[in-house]
Every structure is written in structure tokens, then in C-alpha cells.
């Protein structure tokens, strides 16, 4: 189980992830997709 509520991430003065919330139940899968530089790695590192 994974619960995230209102995750905010900053690089210096840049607000790169804003108020991200998600709930992932046991056995549930999540795909994180997007172009280069859109925050996928930042999200995973923040978790």
C-alpha cells in the first residue's frame, strides 16, 4: 500500500511537483509516463 498526500517538491525556487496525492492499493500497478524532463524521476526519488 502506498499513500501520498499533498507532495510538493522544489529545486531551489522552482516548484516542480505541486500537491500530488495518490493511493495505491496492495496488488495495484501504477505506470508513470511522460516526456523527458517532466518529473518522473523526481517523483520516484521523492517517494
PDB file of N, CA and C in Angstrom:
ATOM      1  N   UNK A   1       0.844  -1.164   0.000  1.00  0.00           N
ATOM      2  CA  UNK A   1       0.000   0.000   0.000  1.00  0.00           C
ATOM      3  C   UNK A   1       0.896   1.236   0.000  1.00  0.00           C
ATOM      4  N   UNK A   2       0.509   2.224  -0.768  1.00  0.00           N
ATOM      5  CA  UNK A   2       1.234   3.493  -0.831  1.00  0.00           C
ATOM      6  C   UNK A   2       0.217   4.621  -0.794  1.00  0.00           C
ATOM      7  N   UNK A   3       0.403   5.522   0.148  1.00  0.00           N
ATOM      8  CA  UNK A   3      -0.452   6.707   0.256  1.00  0.00           C
ATOM      9  C   UNK A   3       0.433   7.941   0.256  1.00  0.00           C
ATOM     10  N   UNK A   4       0.133   8.864  -0.619  1.00  0.00           N
ATOM     11  CA  UNK A   4       0.854  10.131  -0.691  1.00  0.00           C
ATOM     12  C   UNK A   4      -0.187  11.241  -0.657  1.00  0.00           C
ATOM     13  N   UNK A   5       0.050  12.228   0.196  1.00  0.00           N
ATOM     14  CA  UNK A   5      -0.892  13.349   0.305  1.00  0.00           C
ATOM     15  C   UNK A   5      -0.152  14.669   0.186  1.00  0.00           C
ATOM     16  N   UNK A   6      -0.541  15.454  -0.790  1.00  0.00           N
ATOM     17  CA  UNK A   6      -0.036  16.820  -0.959  1.00  0.00           C
ATOM     18  C   UNK A   6       1.486  16.906  -1.017  1.00  0.00           C
ATOM     19  N   UNK A   7       2.103  16.065  -1.840  1.00  0.00           N
ATOM     20  CA  UNK A   7       3.556  16.091  -2.020  1.00  0.00           C
ATOM     21  C   UNK A   7       3.947  17.318  -2.838  1.00  0.00           C
ATOM     22  N   UNK A   8       4.891  18.086  -2.314  1.00  0.00           N
ATOM     23  CA  UNK A   8       5.440  19.250  -3.002  1.00  0.00           C
ATOM     24  C   UNK A   8       6.945  19.104  -3.039  1.00  0.00           C
ATOM     25  N   UNK A   9       7.548  19.344  -4.199  1.00  0.00           N
ATOM     26  CA  UNK A   9       8.997  19.233  -4.359  1.00  0.00           C
ATOM     27  C   UNK A   9       9.499  20.512  -5.018  1.00  0.00           C
ATOM     28  N   UNK A  10      10.596  21.014  -4.494  1.00  0.00           N
ATOM     29  CA  UNK A  10      11.221  22.233  -5.013  1.00  0.00           C
ATOM     30  C   UNK A  10      12.661  21.949  -5.394  1.00  0.00           C
ATOM     31  N   UNK A  11      13.121  22.571  -6.458  1.00  0.00           N
ATOM     32  CA  UNK A  11      14.542  22.673  -6.793  1.00  0.00           C
ATOM     33  C   UNK A  11      14.866  24.154  -6.677  1.00  0.00           C
ATOM     34  N   UNK A  12      15.493  24.543  -5.584  1.00  0.00           N
ATOM     35  CA  UNK A  12      15.730  25.967  -5.355  1.00  0.00           C
ATOM     36  C   UNK A  12      14.407  26.698  -5.272  1.00  0.00           C
ATOM     37  N   UNK A  13      14.196  27.672  -6.132  1.00  0.00           N
ATOM     38  CA  UNK A  13      12.943  28.436  -6.154  1.00  0.00           C
ATOM     39  C   UNK A  13      11.893  27.829  -7.075  1.00  0.00           C
ATOM     40  N   UNK A  14      12.241  26.763  -7.793  1.00  0.00           N
ATOM     41  CA  UNK A  14      11.312  26.149  -8.750  1.00  0.00           C
ATOM     42  C   UNK A  14      10.455  25.090  -8.069  1.00  0.00           C
ATOM     43  N   UNK A  15       9.150  25.259  -8.150  1.00  0.00           N
ATOM     44  CA  UNK A  15       8.180  24.317  -7.590  1.00  0.00           C
ATOM     45  C   UNK A  15       7.881  23.287  -8.686  1.00  0.00           C
ATOM     46  N   UNK A  16       8.480  22.087  -8.588  1.00  0.00           N
ATOM     47  CA  UNK A  16       8.422  21.137  -9.704  1.00  0.00           C
ATOM     48  C   UNK A  16       7.329  20.083  -9.570  1.00  0.00           C
ATOM     49  N   UNK A  17       6.909  19.748  -8.357  1.00  0.00           N
ATOM     50  CA  UNK A  17       5.743  18.880  -8.142  1.00  0.00           C
ATOM     51  C   UNK A  17       4.821  19.600  -7.173  1.00  0.00           C
ATOM     52  N   UNK A  18       3.560  19.751  -7.555  1.00  0.00           N
ATOM     53  CA  UNK A  18       2.619  20.534  -6.761  1.00  0.00           C
ATOM     54  C   UNK A  18       1.457  19.688  -6.263  1.00  0.00           C
ATOM     55  N   UNK A  19       1.334  19.603  -4.950  1.00  0.00           N
ATOM     56  CA  UNK A  19       0.168  18.996  -4.294  1.00  0.00           C
ATOM     57  C   UNK A  19      -0.222  17.639  -4.879  1.00  0.00           C
ATOM     58  N   UNK A  20       0.759  16.785  -5.114  1.00  0.00           N
ATOM     59  CA  UNK A  20       0.496  15.457  -5.665  1.00  0.00           C
ATOM     60  C   UNK A  20      -0.060  14.543  -4.580  1.00  0.00           C
ATOM     61  N   UNK A  21      -1.168  13.892  -4.862  1.00  0.00           N
ATOM     62  CA  UNK A  21      -1.753  12.913  -3.954  1.00  0.00           C
ATOM     63  C   UNK A  21      -2.105  11.664  -4.746  1.00  0.00           C
ATOM     64  N   UNK A  22      -1.851  10.494  -4.138  1.00  0.00           N
ATOM     65  CA  UNK A  22      -2.245   9.239  -4.774  1.00  0.00           C
ATOM     66  C   UNK A  22      -2.367   8.149  -3.724  1.00  0.00           C
ATOM     67  N   UNK A  23      -3.210   7.182  -4.008  1.00  0.00           N
ATOM     68  CA  UNK A  23      -3.404   5.995  -3.175  1.00  0.00           C
ATOM     69  C   UNK A  23      -3.234   4.782  -4.067  1.00  0.00           C
ATOM     70  N   UNK A  24      -2.343   3.891  -3.670  1.00  0.00           N
ATOM     71  CA  UNK A  24      -2.085   2.672  -4.426  1.00  0.00           C
ATOM     72  C   UNK A  24      -2.344   1.496  -3.494  1.00  0.00           C
ATOM     73  N   UNK A  25      -3.319   0.671  -3.834  1.00  0.00           N
ATOM     74  CA  UNK A  25      -3.709  -0.464  -3.005  1.00  0.00           C
ATOM     75  C   UNK A  25      -2.764  -1.642  -3.227  1.00  0.00           C
ATOM     76  N   UNK A  26      -2.702  -2.565  -2.273  1.00  0.00           N
ATOM     77  CA  UNK A  26      -1.873  -3.764  -2.458  1.00  0.00           C
ATOM     78  C   UNK A  26      -2.270  -4.509  -3.735  1.00  0.00           C
ATOM     79  N   UNK A  27      -1.286  -4.902  -4.524  1.00  0.00           N
ATOM     80  CA  UNK A  27      -1.532  -5.620  -5.769  1.00  0.00           C
ATOM     81  C   UNK A  27      -1.868  -4.726  -6.951  1.00  0.00           C
ATOM     82  N   UNK A  28      -2.028  -3.445  -6.725  1.00  0.00           N
ATOM     83  CA  UNK A  28      -2.361  -2.500  -7.788  1.00  0.00           C
ATOM     84  C   UNK A  28      -1.075  -2.005  -8.451  1.00  0.00           C
ATOM     85  N   UNK A  29      -1.138  -1.760  -9.750  1.00  0.00           N
ATOM     86  CA  UNK A  29       0.020  -1.273 -10.502  1.00  0.00           C
ATOM     87  C   UNK A  29      -0.187   0.181 -10.889  1.00  0.00           C
ATOM     88  N   UNK A  30       0.925   0.875 -11.066  1.00  0.00           N
ATOM     89  CA  UNK A  30       0.888   2.271 -11.479  1.00  0.00           C
ATOM     90  C   UNK A  30       1.950   2.485 -12.543  1.00  0.00           C
ATOM     91  N   UNK A  31       1.582   3.091 -13.652  1.00  0.00           N
ATOM     92  CA  UNK A  31       2.535   3.447 -14.704  1.00  0.00           C
ATOM     93  C   UNK A  31       2.757   4.952 -14.651  1.00  0.00           C
ATOM     94  N   UNK A  32       4.024   5.344 -14.671  1.00  0.00           N
ATOM     95  CA  UNK A  32       4.381   6.760 -14.691  1.00  0.00           C
ATOM     96  C   UNK A  32       4.994   7.033 -16.057  1.00  0.00           C
ATOM     97  N   UNK A  33       4.297   7.825 -16.859  1.00  0.00           N
ATOM     98  CA  UNK A  33       4.720   8.058 -18.236  1.00  0.00           C
ATOM     99  C   UNK A  33       4.802   9.552 -18.513  1.00  0.00           C
ATOM    100  N   UNK A  34       5.691   9.919 -19.416  1.00  0.00           N
ATOM    101  CA  UNK A  34       5.801  11.312 -19.819  1.00  0.00           C
ATOM    102  C   UNK A  34       7.095  11.544 -20.571  1.00  0.00           C
ATOM    103  N   UNK A  35       7.194  12.707 -21.195  1.00  0.00           N
ATOM    104  CA  UNK A  35       8.392  13.071 -21.943  1.00  0.00           C
ATOM    105  C   UNK A  35       9.548  13.344 -20.993  1.00  0.00           C
ATOM    106  N   UNK A  36      10.726  13.475 -21.571  1.00  0.00           N
ATOM    107  CA  UNK A  36      11.917  13.830 -20.797  1.00  0.00           C
ATOM    108  C   UNK A  36      11.698  15.154 -20.071  1.00  0.00           C
ATOM    109  N   UNK A  37      12.173  15.213 -18.835  1.00  0.00           N
ATOM    110  CA  UNK A  37      12.111  16.458 -18.079  1.00  0.00           C
ATOM    111  C   UNK A  37      10.763  16.788 -17.483  1.00  0.00           C
ATOM    112  N   UNK A  38       9.850  15.827 -17.432  1.00  0.00           N
ATOM    113  CA  UNK A  38       8.512  16.103 -16.923  1.00  0.00           C
ATOM    114  C   UNK A  38       8.325  15.739 -15.447  1.00  0.00           C
ATOM    115  N   UNK A  39       9.356  15.149 -14.790  1.00  0.00           N
ATOM    116  CA  UNK A  39       9.279  14.912 -13.354  1.00  0.00           C
ATOM    117  C   UNK A  39       9.135  13.468 -12.912  1.00  0.00           C
ATOM    118  N   UNK A  40       9.264  12.518 -13.815  1.00  0.00           N
ATOM    119  CA  UNK A  40       9.106  11.105 -13.441  1.00  0.00           C
ATOM    120  C   UNK A  40      10.156  10.671 -12.421  1.00  0.00           C
ATOM    121  N   UNK A  41      11.410  10.943 -12.694  1.00  0.00           N
ATOM    122  CA  UNK A  41      12.488  10.553 -11.781  1.00  0.00           C
ATOM    123  C   UNK A  41      12.400  11.339 -10.483  1.00  0.00           C
ATOM    124  N   UNK A  42      12.052  12.605 -10.560  1.00  0.00           N
ATOM    125  CA  UNK A  42      11.888  13.421  -9.354  1.00  0.00           C
ATOM    126  C   UNK A  42      10.809  12.828  -8.462  1.00  0.00           C
ATOM    127  N   UNK A  43       9.706  12.392  -9.050  1.00  0.00           N
ATOM    128  CA  UNK A  43       8.637  11.767  -8.274  1.00  0.00           C
ATOM    129  C   UNK A  43       9.142  10.521  -7.569  1.00  0.00           C
ATOM    130  N   UNK A  44       9.798   9.629  -8.291  1.00  0.00           N
ATOM    131  CA  UNK A  44      10.276   8.381  -7.688  1.00  0.00           C
ATOM    132  C   UNK A  44      11.311   8.642  -6.604  1.00  0.00           C
ATOM    133  N   UNK A  45      12.199   9.576  -6.811  1.00  0.00           N
ATOM    134  CA  UNK A  45      13.201   9.907  -5.786  1.00  0.00           C
ATOM    135  C   UNK A  45      12.558  10.520  -4.554  1.00  0.00           C
ATOM    136  N   UNK A  46      11.464  11.223  -4.728  1.00  0.00           N
ATOM    137  CA  UNK A  46      10.780  11.868  -3.608  1.00  0.00           C
ATOM    138  C   UNK A  46      10.012  10.881  -2.749  1.00  0.00           C
ATOM    139  N   UNK A  47       9.659   9.748  -3.327  1.00  0.00           N
ATOM    140  CA  UNK A  47       8.927   8.746  -2.554  1.00  0.00           C
ATOM    141  C   UNK A  47       9.879   7.985  -1.665  1.00  0.00           C
TER     142      UNK A  47
END
